[in-house]
Amino acid sequence: MENDGNRQTLLKQYGMIVALCILFCIISRAPSIFDEISLGGLKLTNVNVGWIVIIGPWVILVGMIWLLYYAEAFVGTSVERSRIAQAVIVLLALLPAIAEIFLLRQLVFETTQPGIPCEQFDHFRLFTDFDLASAAGWKPHYCFGLKPEQQESMPHFYPPYQTWAHVILPFLVGAAGIRIRRFL
């Protein structure tokens, strides 16, 4: 009976991770969507998409590692399911990895150097150009027209090191999701 309670807790936590992934994807695609929304009196006008795109994948990875630990330590036994149910669970287990791929796409194709229009910037330089990462890092500009104060507070990024790390993250999150799916 206690195992069922732990499984329910795992499902709830996994649902929260998936909801966070969806929220990160929405914010990265439409950064000004929350300008008019307030939650409990708190205005979300200063959500910086740079932090979401650069730090968000790491937050997802940490959440998935925690869920994997929780599943193996407290749930312990896998569940038998039909083939269709297994296919649906695999798809659900891979949602965080899909979100990571989307955030990588946003990072690579929706950022540019200051003063260079997005369509003129060679986005693949993020994978190869060590000159972009000075000692202080590269401060990207987001292509979706952020407010000037948001553009100024974009986090620093260190291509190509961090770009390649962001390429590896979906694989790690996907592997964790596949391991977790046995317990969902």
C-alpha atoms as a PDB file:
ATOM      1  CA  MET A   1       0.000   0.000   0.000  1.00  0.00           C
ATOM      2  CA  GLU A   2       2.830   2.387   0.828  1.00  0.00           C
ATOM      3  CA  ASN A   3       4.357   1.635  -2.578  1.00  0.00           C
ATOM      4  CA  ASP A   4       1.151   2.879  -4.264  1.00  0.00           C
ATOM      5  CA  GLY A   5       1.393   6.134  -2.323  1.00  0.00           C
ATOM      6  CA  ASN A   6       4.993   6.557  -3.435  1.00  0.00           C
ATOM      7  CA  ARG A   7       3.977   5.832  -7.035  1.00  0.00           C
ATOM      8  CA  GLN A   8       1.256   8.491  -6.812  1.00  0.00           C
ATOM      9  CA  THR A   9       3.796  10.962  -5.445  1.00  0.00           C
ATOM     10  CA  LEU A  10       6.134  10.092  -8.317  1.00  0.00           C
ATOM     11  CA  LEU A  11       3.337  10.672 -10.830  1.00  0.00           C
ATOM     12  CA  LYS A  12       2.525  14.055  -9.299  1.00  0.00           C
ATOM     13  CA  GLN A  13       6.167  15.119  -9.294  1.00  0.00           C
ATOM     14  CA  TYR A  14       6.615  13.928 -12.862  1.00  0.00           C
ATOM     15  CA  GLY A  15       3.520  15.890 -13.859  1.00  0.00           C
ATOM     16  CA  MET A  16       5.036  18.994 -12.273  1.00  0.00           C
ATOM     17  CA  ILE A  17       8.273  18.494 -14.237  1.00  0.00           C
ATOM     18  CA  VAL A  18       6.313  18.088 -17.481  1.00  0.00           C
ATOM     19  CA  ALA A  19       4.253  21.204 -16.692  1.00  0.00           C
ATOM     20  CA  LEU A  20       7.473  23.118 -16.015  1.00  0.00           C
ATOM     21  CA  CYS A  21       8.872  21.915 -19.353  1.00  0.00           C
ATOM     22  CA  ILE A  22       5.766  23.108 -21.171  1.00  0.00           C
ATOM     23  CA  LEU A  23       5.931  26.455 -19.365  1.00  0.00           C
ATOM     24  CA  PHE A  24       9.601  26.864 -20.320  1.00  0.00           C
ATOM     25  CA  CYS A  25       8.766  26.133 -23.967  1.00  0.00           C
ATOM     26  CA  ILE A  26       5.892  28.629 -23.988  1.00  0.00           C
ATOM     27  CA  ILE A  27       7.991  31.361 -22.391  1.00  0.00           C
ATOM     28  CA  SER A  28      10.902  30.727 -24.764  1.00  0.00           C
ATOM     29  CA  ARG A  29       8.656  31.018 -27.801  1.00  0.00           C
ATOM     30  CA  ALA A  30       6.531  33.958 -26.643  1.00  0.00           C
ATOM     31  CA  PRO A  31       8.493  35.831 -23.966  1.00  0.00           C
ATOM     32  CA  SER A  32       5.978  38.643 -23.586  1.00  0.00           C
ATOM     33  CA  ILE A  33       2.999  36.335 -23.086  1.00  0.00           C
ATOM     34  CA  PHE A  34       3.009  36.876 -19.332  1.00  0.00           C
ATOM     35  CA  ASP A  35       3.235  40.667 -19.452  1.00  0.00           C
ATOM     36  CA  GLU A  36      -0.478  41.019 -18.816  1.00  0.00           C
ATOM     37  CA  ILE A  37      -0.894  38.104 -16.412  1.00  0.00           C
ATOM     38  CA  SER A  38      -0.550  38.203 -12.665  1.00  0.00           C
ATOM     39  CA  LEU A  39      -0.605  35.293 -10.273  1.00  0.00           C
ATOM     40  CA  GLY A  40      -1.921  36.099  -6.846  1.00  0.00           C
ATOM     41  CA  GLY A  41      -1.074  39.761  -7.269  1.00  0.00           C
ATOM     42  CA  LEU A  42       2.436  39.088  -8.580  1.00  0.00           C
ATOM     43  CA  LYS A  43       3.060  40.471 -12.040  1.00  0.00           C
ATOM     44  CA  LEU A  44       5.243  38.308 -14.227  1.00  0.00           C
ATOM     45  CA  THR A  45       6.487  41.149 -16.413  1.00  0.00           C
ATOM     46  CA  ASN A  46      10.185  40.587 -15.841  1.00  0.00           C
ATOM     47  CA  VAL A  47      10.472  36.949 -16.876  1.00  0.00           C
ATOM     48  CA  ASN A  48      13.715  36.846 -18.820  1.00  0.00           C
ATOM     49  CA  VAL A  49      13.673  34.315 -21.613  1.00  0.00           C
ATOM     50  CA  GLY A  50      17.465  34.100 -21.550  1.00  0.00           C
ATOM     51  CA  TRP A  51      17.422  32.524 -18.121  1.00  0.00           C
ATOM     52  CA  ILE A  52      14.730  30.104 -19.259  1.00  0.00           C
ATOM     53  CA  VAL A  53      16.612  29.031 -22.392  1.00  0.00           C
ATOM     54  CA  ILE A  54      20.077  28.850 -20.826  1.00  0.00           C
ATOM     55  CA  ILE A  55      19.350  27.654 -17.274  1.00  0.00           C
ATOM     56  CA  GLY A  56      16.008  25.888 -17.869  1.00  0.00           C
ATOM     57  CA  PRO A  57      17.492  22.707 -19.381  1.00  0.00           C
ATOM     58  CA  TRP A  58      19.747  22.309 -16.350  1.00  0.00           C
ATOM     59  CA  VAL A  59      16.746  22.717 -14.035  1.00  0.00           C
ATOM     60  CA  ILE A  60      14.903  20.024 -15.992  1.00  0.00           C
ATOM     61  CA  LEU A  61      17.924  17.707 -15.756  1.00  0.00           C
ATOM     62  CA  VAL A  62      18.179  18.161 -11.990  1.00  0.00           C
ATOM     63  CA  GLY A  63      14.447  17.496 -11.651  1.00  0.00           C
ATOM     64  CA  MET A  64      14.703  14.320 -13.704  1.00  0.00           C
ATOM     65  CA  ILE A  65      17.685  13.080 -11.709  1.00  0.00           C
ATOM     66  CA  TRP A  66      15.725  13.684  -8.513  1.00  0.00           C
ATOM     67  CA  LEU A  67      12.736  11.784  -9.917  1.00  0.00           C
ATOM     68  CA  LEU A  68      14.968   8.905 -10.976  1.00  0.00           C
ATOM     69  CA  TYR A  69      16.442   8.727  -7.489  1.00  0.00           C
ATOM     70  CA  TYR A  70      12.983   8.886  -5.921  1.00  0.00           C
ATOM     71  CA  ALA A  71      11.607   6.205  -8.246  1.00  0.00           C
ATOM     72  CA  GLU A  72      14.430   3.781  -7.581  1.00  0.00           C
ATOM     73  CA  ALA A  73      14.652   4.447  -3.842  1.00  0.00           C
ATOM     74  CA  PHE A  74      11.001   4.680  -2.855  1.00  0.00           C
ATOM     75  CA  VAL A  75       8.864   3.064  -5.553  1.00  0.00           C
ATOM     76  CA  GLY A  76      11.159   0.170  -6.327  1.00  0.00           C
ATOM     77  CA  THR A  77       8.928  -2.094  -8.407  1.00  0.00           C
ATOM     78  CA  SER A  78       7.921  -1.659 -12.008  1.00  0.00           C
ATOM     79  CA  VAL A  79       4.365  -1.960 -13.280  1.00  0.00           C
ATOM     80  CA  GLU A  80       3.089  -4.406 -15.914  1.00  0.00           C
ATOM     81  CA  ARG A  81       1.133  -2.706 -18.719  1.00  0.00           C
ATOM     82  CA  SER A  82      -0.317  -3.473 -22.129  1.00  0.00           C
ATOM     83  CA  ARG A  83       1.669  -2.554 -25.242  1.00  0.00           C
ATOM     84  CA  ILE A  84      -0.454   0.504 -25.972  1.00  0.00           C
ATOM     85  CA  ALA A  85      -0.119   1.753 -22.408  1.00  0.00           C
ATOM     86  CA  GLN A  86       3.635   1.179 -22.581  1.00  0.00           C
ATOM     87  CA  ALA A  87       3.868   3.228 -25.792  1.00  0.00           C
ATOM     88  CA  VAL A  88       1.934   6.092 -24.206  1.00  0.00           C
ATOM     89  CA  ILE A  89       4.123   5.974 -21.094  1.00  0.00           C
ATOM     90  CA  VAL A  90       7.286   6.051 -23.238  1.00  0.00           C
ATOM     91  CA  LEU A  91       5.966   9.121 -25.053  1.00  0.00           C
ATOM     92  CA  LEU A  92       5.162  10.795 -21.742  1.00  0.00           C
ATOM     93  CA  ALA A  93       8.569   9.818 -20.377  1.00  0.00           C
ATOM     94  CA  LEU A  94      10.266  11.514 -23.325  1.00  0.00           C
ATOM     95  CA  LEU A  95       8.362  14.812 -23.030  1.00  0.00           C
ATOM     96  CA  PRO A  96      11.090  16.478 -20.922  1.00  0.00           C
ATOM     97  CA  ALA A  97      13.721  15.434 -23.488  1.00  0.00           C
ATOM     98  CA  ILE A  98      11.562  16.852 -26.279  1.00  0.00           C
ATOM     99  CA  ALA A  99      11.265  20.094 -24.313  1.00  0.00           C
ATOM    100  CA  GLU A 100      15.056  20.136 -23.920  1.00  0.00           C
ATOM    101  CA  ILE A 101      15.458  19.799 -27.696  1.00  0.00           C
ATOM    102  CA  PHE A 102      13.015  22.664 -28.207  1.00  0.00           C
ATOM    103  CA  LEU A 103      14.929  24.861 -25.750  1.00  0.00           C
ATOM    104  CA  LEU A 104      18.180  23.985 -27.548  1.00  0.00           C
ATOM    105  CA  ARG A 105      16.578  25.046 -30.810  1.00  0.00           C
ATOM    106  CA  GLN A 106      15.507  28.324 -29.236  1.00  0.00           C
ATOM    107  CA  LEU A 107      19.009  28.893 -27.886  1.00  0.00           C
ATOM    108  CA  VAL A 108      20.771  28.210 -31.165  1.00  0.00           C
ATOM    109  CA  PHE A 109      18.395  29.734 -33.703  1.00  0.00           C
ATOM    110  CA  GLU A 110      16.762  32.563 -31.763  1.00  0.00           C
ATOM    111  CA  THR A 111      19.837  34.312 -30.359  1.00  0.00           C
ATOM    112  CA  THR A 112      22.233  36.666 -32.074  1.00  0.00           C
ATOM    113  CA  GLN A 113      25.104  38.993 -31.367  1.00  0.00           C
ATOM    114  CA  PRO A 114      24.165  42.537 -30.384  1.00  0.00           C
ATOM    115  CA  GLY A 115      23.668  44.670 -33.475  1.00  0.00           C
ATOM    116  CA  ILE A 116      23.371  41.758 -35.920  1.00  0.00           C
ATOM    117  CA  PRO A 117      19.888  40.849 -37.200  1.00  0.00           C
ATOM    118  CA  CYS A 118      18.892  37.240 -36.565  1.00  0.00           C
ATOM    119  CA  GLU A 119      18.672  36.341 -40.227  1.00  0.00           C
ATOM    120  CA  GLN A 120      22.259  37.522 -40.818  1.00  0.00           C
ATOM    121  CA  PHE A 121      23.857  35.799 -37.834  1.00  0.00           C
ATOM    122  CA  ASP A 122      25.535  32.452 -38.490  1.00  0.00           C
ATOM    123  CA  HIS A 123      23.886  30.458 -35.731  1.00  0.00           C
ATOM    124  CA  PHE A 124      26.197  27.482 -36.183  1.00  0.00           C
ATOM    125  CA  ARG A 125      29.023  29.647 -34.837  1.00  0.00           C
ATOM    126  CA  LEU A 126      27.645  28.752 -31.417  1.00  0.00           C
ATOM    127  CA  PHE A 127      28.998  25.234 -32.012  1.00  0.00           C
ATOM    128  CA  THR A 128      32.423  26.161 -33.343  1.00  0.00           C
ATOM    129  CA  ASP A 129      33.497  29.742 -32.616  1.00  0.00           C
ATOM    130  CA  PHE A 130      35.592  30.023 -29.472  1.00  0.00           C
ATOM    131  CA  ASP A 131      35.895  33.776 -30.061  1.00  0.00           C
ATOM    132  CA  LEU A 132      32.290  34.245 -28.959  1.00  0.00           C
ATOM    133  CA  ALA A 133      33.161  33.139 -25.433  1.00  0.00           C
ATOM    134  CA  SER A 134      35.457  35.710 -23.951  1.00  0.00           C
ATOM    135  CA  ALA A 135      36.467  35.607 -20.303  1.00  0.00           C
ATOM    136  CA  ALA A 136      33.173  37.265 -19.378  1.00  0.00           C
ATOM    137  CA  GLY A 137      31.122  35.068 -21.697  1.00  0.00           C
ATOM    138  CA  TRP A 138      28.909  35.936 -24.626  1.00  0.00           C
ATOM    139  CA  LYS A 139      25.816  37.981 -23.914  1.00  0.00           C
ATOM    140  CA  PRO A 140      23.306  36.953 -26.568  1.00  0.00           C
ATOM    141  CA  HIS A 141      20.412  39.023 -27.790  1.00  0.00           C
ATOM    142  CA  TYR A 142      17.121  37.240 -28.207  1.00  0.00           C
ATOM    143  CA  CYS A 143      15.489  37.557 -31.614  1.00  0.00           C
ATOM    144  CA  PHE A 144      11.910  37.902 -30.391  1.00  0.00           C
ATOM    145  CA  GLY A 145      12.261  41.537 -29.420  1.00  0.00           C
ATOM    146  CA  LEU A 146      12.551  41.689 -25.678  1.00  0.00           C
ATOM    147  CA  LYS A 147      12.239  44.928 -23.779  1.00  0.00           C
ATOM    148  CA  PRO A 148      15.582  46.751 -23.513  1.00  0.00           C
ATOM    149  CA  GLU A 149      15.898  46.076 -19.776  1.00  0.00           C
ATOM    150  CA  GLN A 150      15.265  42.369 -20.368  1.00  0.00           C
ATOM    151  CA  GLN A 151      17.766  42.316 -23.221  1.00  0.00           C
ATOM    152  CA  GLU A 152      20.362  43.896 -20.932  1.00  0.00           C
ATOM    153  CA  SER A 153      19.785  41.321 -18.210  1.00  0.00           C
ATOM    154  CA  MET A 154      20.298  38.327 -20.487  1.00  0.00           C
ATOM    155  CA  PRO A 155      22.670  35.844 -18.848  1.00  0.00           C
ATOM    156  CA  HIS A 156      26.144  35.224 -20.187  1.00  0.00           C
ATOM    157  CA  PHE A 157      26.718  32.146 -22.285  1.00  0.00           C
ATOM    158  CA  TYR A 158      29.956  30.330 -23.144  1.00  0.00           C
ATOM    159  CA  PRO A 159      29.845  28.885 -26.664  1.00  0.00           C
ATOM    160  CA  PRO A 160      30.837  26.357 -27.911  1.00  0.00           C
ATOM    161  CA  TYR A 161      31.340  24.620 -24.552  1.00  0.00           C
ATOM    162  CA  GLN A 162      27.900  25.355 -23.225  1.00  0.00           C
ATOM    163  CA  THR A 163      26.294  24.804 -26.629  1.00  0.00           C
ATOM    164  CA  TRP A 164      27.621  21.263 -26.769  1.00  0.00           C
ATOM    165  CA  ALA A 165      26.576  20.695 -23.158  1.00  0.00           C
ATOM    166  CA  HIS A 166      23.061  21.725 -24.181  1.00  0.00           C
ATOM    167  CA  VAL A 167      23.229  19.158 -27.005  1.00  0.00           C
ATOM    168  CA  ILE A 168      24.056  16.398 -24.506  1.00  0.00           C
ATOM    169  CA  LEU A 169      21.332  17.365 -22.004  1.00  0.00           C
ATOM    170  CA  PRO A 170      18.350  15.972 -23.991  1.00  0.00           C
ATOM    171  CA  PHE A 171      20.066  12.584 -24.151  1.00  0.00           C
ATOM    172  CA  LEU A 172      20.631  12.556 -20.396  1.00  0.00           C
ATOM    173  CA  VAL A 173      17.074  13.670 -19.690  1.00  0.00           C
ATOM    174  CA  GLY A 174      15.717  11.130 -22.183  1.00  0.00           C
ATOM    175  CA  ALA A 175      17.699   8.328 -20.552  1.00  0.00           C
ATOM    176  CA  ALA A 176      16.392   9.353 -17.132  1.00  0.00           C
ATOM    177  CA  GLY A 177      12.848   9.490 -18.531  1.00  0.00           C
ATOM    178  CA  ILE A 178      13.146   5.995 -19.982  1.00  0.00           C
ATOM    179  CA  ARG A 179      14.389   4.690 -16.631  1.00  0.00           C
ATOM    180  CA  ILE A 180      11.616   6.495 -14.747  1.00  0.00           C
ATOM    181  CA  ARG A 181       8.877   5.193 -17.057  1.00  0.00           C
ATOM    182  CA  ARG A 182       9.202   1.733 -15.521  1.00  0.00           C
ATOM    183  CA  PHE A 183       7.851   3.152 -12.278  1.00  0.00           C
ATOM    184  CA  LEU A 184       5.113   5.439 -13.634  1.00  0.00           C
END
